[in-house]
Amino acid sequence: MGMTALLTVTEIFAAVTQTVPKHSYRSSLDMWMVSIMFFVVAVIVEFIFSNHFVLQGKKEMALKLDRMSQIIYPIVFLFYNALYWPPVLYHYYDNSCDSNIP
């Protein structure tokens, strides 16, 4: 399921980058898509560690890792969004207000 999510995010990123104009610098969209890929890869890595613990007979450790991940991932994602969106929206609305001036 994690690989399907990663492939889906990669396909969305490829489709979106084909529809926006070409440029030589990193855009907010690029940063957003890369960060989303990072979160998906982090979930896949957590799944690998959890399965490794189960196979080693450390089921309690796997359950502890899963519980921690259920708390940490959403908090980190919300924190990332709290840091990412304000500058992006400020820049967007600041430029959109300037373009309306005759």
Protein backbone atom coordinates (compact mmCIF):
# COMPACT_ATOMS: atom_id res chain seq x y z
CA MET A 1 0.00 0.00 0.00
CA GLY A 2 2.88 2.36 0.77
CA MET A 3 4.47 1.75 -2.61
CA THR A 4 1.14 2.42 -4.30
CA ALA A 5 0.92 5.73 -2.44
CA LEU A 6 4.48 6.62 -3.46
CA LEU A 7 3.80 5.78 -7.10
CA THR A 8 0.58 7.78 -7.00
CA VAL A 9 2.32 10.84 -5.53
CA THR A 10 5.11 10.51 -8.11
CA GLU A 11 2.57 10.34 -10.94
CA ILE A 12 0.70 13.36 -9.61
CA PHE A 13 3.99 15.26 -9.35
CA ALA A 14 4.88 14.34 -12.95
CA ALA A 15 1.44 15.34 -14.23
CA VAL A 16 1.45 18.66 -12.39
CA THR A 17 4.96 19.61 -13.50
CA GLN A 18 3.93 19.04 -17.12
CA THR A 19 1.04 21.48 -16.81
CA VAL A 20 2.93 24.38 -15.20
CA PRO A 21 5.35 26.56 -17.16
CA LYS A 22 8.99 25.46 -17.22
CA HIS A 23 11.38 27.33 -14.93
CA SER A 24 14.94 26.89 -13.68
CA TYR A 25 14.29 27.43 -9.98
CA ARG A 26 12.52 25.48 -7.25
CA SER A 27 8.93 26.47 -6.73
CA SER A 28 6.63 26.05 -3.76
CA LEU A 29 4.93 23.23 -5.64
CA ASP A 30 8.25 21.39 -6.01
CA MET A 31 8.98 21.74 -2.31
CA TRP A 32 5.49 20.54 -1.40
CA MET A 33 5.64 17.46 -3.61
CA VAL A 34 9.11 16.49 -2.39
CA SER A 35 8.01 16.84 1.22
CA ILE A 36 4.93 14.68 0.59
CA MET A 37 7.18 12.04 -0.97
CA PHE A 38 9.38 12.23 2.12
CA PHE A 39 6.39 11.58 4.38
CA VAL A 40 5.32 8.58 2.28
CA VAL A 41 8.86 7.15 2.31
CA ALA A 42 9.01 7.68 6.10
CA VAL A 43 5.82 5.63 6.49
CA ILE A 44 7.28 2.85 4.31
CA VAL A 45 10.49 2.83 6.40
CA GLU A 46 8.45 2.66 9.61
CA PHE A 47 6.51 -0.28 8.16
CA ILE A 48 9.77 -2.07 7.33
CA PHE A 49 11.10 -1.60 10.86
CA SER A 50 7.82 -2.71 12.38
CA ASN A 51 7.77 -5.90 10.29
CA HIS A 52 11.43 -6.55 11.16
CA PHE A 53 10.58 -6.37 14.86
CA VAL A 54 7.67 -8.78 14.41
CA LEU A 55 9.87 -11.25 12.53
CA GLN A 56 12.51 -11.04 15.27
CA GLY A 57 9.87 -11.91 17.87
CA LYS A 58 9.74 -8.39 19.33
CA LYS A 59 6.04 -7.81 18.82
CA GLU A 60 5.83 -5.39 21.77
CA MET A 61 8.53 -3.23 20.18
CA ALA A 62 6.63 -3.26 16.87
CA LEU A 63 3.40 -2.22 18.60
CA LYS A 64 5.22 0.54 20.47
CA LEU A 65 6.72 1.82 17.21
CA ASP A 66 3.30 1.76 15.55
CA ARG A 67 1.68 3.66 18.42
CA MET A 68 4.45 6.27 18.41
CA SER A 69 4.13 6.67 14.64
CA GLN A 70 0.37 7.17 14.90
CA ILE A 71 1.06 10.17 17.13
CA ILE A 72 4.31 11.54 15.70
CA TYR A 73 3.51 11.51 11.96
CA PRO A 74 0.32 13.61 12.18
CA ILE A 75 1.98 16.06 14.57
CA VAL A 76 5.01 16.46 12.29
CA PHE A 77 2.75 16.83 9.25
CA LEU A 78 0.64 19.50 10.96
CA PHE A 79 3.79 21.29 12.11
CA TYR A 80 5.17 21.18 8.56
CA ASN A 81 1.92 22.63 7.21
CA ALA A 82 1.94 25.35 9.86
CA LEU A 83 5.41 26.38 8.68
CA TYR A 84 4.87 25.86 4.94
CA TRP A 85 1.54 27.50 4.16
CA PRO A 86 1.76 30.97 5.79
CA PRO A 87 4.73 32.16 3.66
CA VAL A 88 3.28 30.59 0.52
CA LEU A 89 -0.13 32.19 1.01
CA TYR A 90 1.39 35.52 2.04
CA HIS A 91 3.46 35.59 -1.15
CA TYR A 92 0.46 34.52 -3.24
CA TYR A 93 -1.90 37.15 -1.85
CA ASP A 94 0.79 39.84 -1.80
CA ASN A 95 1.44 39.30 -5.54
CA SER A 96 -2.25 39.01 -6.42
CA CYS A 97 -3.02 42.35 -4.73
CA ASP A 98 -0.20 44.07 -6.59
CA SER A 99 -1.42 42.83 -9.95
CA ASN A 100 -4.82 44.51 -9.48
CA ILE A 101 -3.28 47.98 -9.18
CA PRO A 102 -3.62 49.89 -12.48
